[in-house]
Amino acid sequence: MVASKNSGVKVRPLGNRVLVRRLEPTEEVHGGIIIPDTAKEKPMEAEVVAIGKGTRLDDGSRAPFEVSVGDTVLIGKYAGTEIKFDGEEYQILKEDEILGIVG
């Protein structure tokens, strides 16, 4: 199982899938107006929590991942599938749904 050391997540994505946790942006209040959670957009930054073993190639080997556990990545608003595990929300998505690596 591949998971970050401090996450404690016991989910292992299969194949070329990646498990991420969306990072909440820092909340800014402009002019005393507080935007309710239901009106906020989903954050596009996420932390890679676990990765699968990679896509199996024709020769039987596995294609290496471009991301690793702990990377901060950019994902689309509606990318992947949302899951809840131990009270935390995660996304499982294919590696090719990741738009880029931050930093």
Protein backbone atom coordinates (compact mmCIF):
# COMPACT_ATOMS: atom_id res chain seq x y z
CA MET A 1 0.00 0.00 0.00
CA VAL A 2 1.26 3.43 -0.88
CA ALA A 3 0.20 6.28 1.39
CA SER A 4 1.81 9.27 2.96
CA LYS A 5 3.35 8.63 6.35
CA ASN A 6 1.19 11.09 8.25
CA SER A 7 -2.12 10.50 6.46
CA GLY A 8 -2.95 7.05 7.82
CA VAL A 9 -5.13 6.38 4.75
CA LYS A 10 -5.67 2.71 4.06
CA VAL A 11 -6.88 3.10 0.46
CA ARG A 12 -4.69 1.95 -2.41
CA PRO A 13 -5.70 3.20 -5.88
CA LEU A 14 -5.45 0.67 -8.70
CA GLY A 15 -3.57 1.04 -11.99
CA ASN A 16 -2.95 4.63 -13.04
CA ARG A 17 -5.25 6.16 -10.45
CA VAL A 18 -4.28 8.72 -7.82
CA LEU A 19 -5.89 9.47 -4.45
CA VAL A 20 -5.84 13.19 -3.58
CA ARG A 21 -7.18 15.44 -0.84
CA ARG A 22 -8.33 18.89 -1.94
CA LEU A 23 -6.51 21.70 -0.14
CA GLU A 24 -8.74 24.38 1.32
CA PRO A 25 -7.72 27.90 0.33
CA THR A 26 -7.13 30.45 3.02
CA GLU A 27 -10.36 32.30 3.68
CA GLU A 28 -10.33 36.00 2.91
CA VAL A 29 -13.09 38.29 4.11
CA HIS A 30 -13.61 41.43 2.05
CA GLY A 31 -15.68 44.21 3.62
CA GLY A 32 -17.13 41.94 6.30
CA ILE A 33 -18.91 39.67 3.78
CA ILE A 34 -18.65 35.98 4.58
CA ILE A 35 -19.39 33.60 1.72
CA PRO A 36 -21.23 30.43 2.84
CA ASP A 37 -19.60 27.05 2.13
CA THR A 38 -22.35 26.12 -0.33
CA ALA A 39 -21.50 29.10 -2.56
CA LYS A 40 -17.74 28.53 -2.61
CA GLU A 41 -16.04 26.93 -5.56
CA LYS A 42 -14.14 23.69 -5.11
CA PRO A 43 -10.42 24.26 -4.67
CA MET A 44 -8.27 23.25 -7.60
CA GLU A 45 -5.17 22.42 -5.55
CA ALA A 46 -4.84 19.00 -3.98
CA GLU A 47 -2.25 16.91 -2.17
CA VAL A 48 -1.38 13.48 -3.56
CA VAL A 49 -2.11 11.00 -0.75
CA ALA A 50 -1.57 7.68 -2.55
CA ILE A 51 -0.84 6.35 -6.04
CA GLY A 52 -1.48 3.04 -7.79
CA LYS A 53 1.15 0.85 -9.42
CA GLY A 54 0.88 2.52 -12.85
CA THR A 55 -0.52 1.54 -16.21
CA ARG A 56 0.56 -1.87 -17.45
CA LEU A 57 2.37 -1.58 -20.78
CA ASP A 58 2.27 -4.10 -23.64
CA ASP A 59 5.56 -5.67 -22.53
CA GLY A 60 4.17 -6.27 -19.01
CA SER A 61 6.12 -3.51 -17.31
CA ARG A 62 4.49 -0.55 -15.57
CA ALA A 63 4.65 3.06 -16.73
CA PRO A 64 6.10 5.26 -13.98
CA PHE A 65 4.00 8.04 -12.45
CA GLU A 66 4.91 11.69 -12.98
CA VAL A 67 3.53 12.57 -9.53
CA SER A 68 4.53 11.23 -6.14
CA VAL A 69 2.94 11.07 -2.71
CA GLY A 70 3.11 14.49 -1.06
CA ASP A 71 3.08 16.50 -4.32
CA THR A 72 0.70 19.45 -4.58
CA VAL A 73 -1.17 19.23 -7.88
CA LEU A 74 -3.79 21.14 -9.85
CA ILE A 75 -6.97 19.25 -10.73
CA GLY A 76 -10.20 20.22 -12.46
CA LYS A 77 -13.27 21.25 -10.48
CA TYR A 78 -15.16 18.12 -11.50
CA ALA A 79 -12.26 15.70 -11.94
CA GLY A 80 -12.39 12.20 -10.52
CA THR A 81 -14.79 10.59 -8.10
CA GLU A 82 -15.41 11.94 -4.61
CA ILE A 83 -15.19 9.44 -1.75
CA LYS A 84 -15.39 9.72 2.02
CA PHE A 85 -13.14 7.57 4.16
CA ASP A 86 -12.85 7.87 7.94
CA GLY A 87 -14.70 11.21 7.85
CA GLU A 88 -12.29 12.78 5.32
CA GLU A 89 -13.15 13.66 1.72
CA TYR A 90 -10.88 12.49 -1.08
CA GLN A 91 -10.89 12.29 -4.88
CA ILE A 92 -9.79 9.29 -6.90
CA LEU A 93 -8.78 10.25 -10.41
CA LYS A 94 -6.65 9.03 -13.28
CA GLU A 95 -3.17 10.50 -13.50
CA ASP A 96 -3.99 12.10 -16.85
CA GLU A 97 -6.76 14.16 -15.16
CA ILE A 98 -4.07 16.01 -13.18
CA LEU A 99 -3.41 19.36 -14.85
CA GLY A 100 -0.01 20.10 -13.31
CA ILE A 101 2.32 19.96 -10.32
CA VAL A 102 2.64 23.07 -8.14
CA GLY A 103 6.15 24.13 -7.20
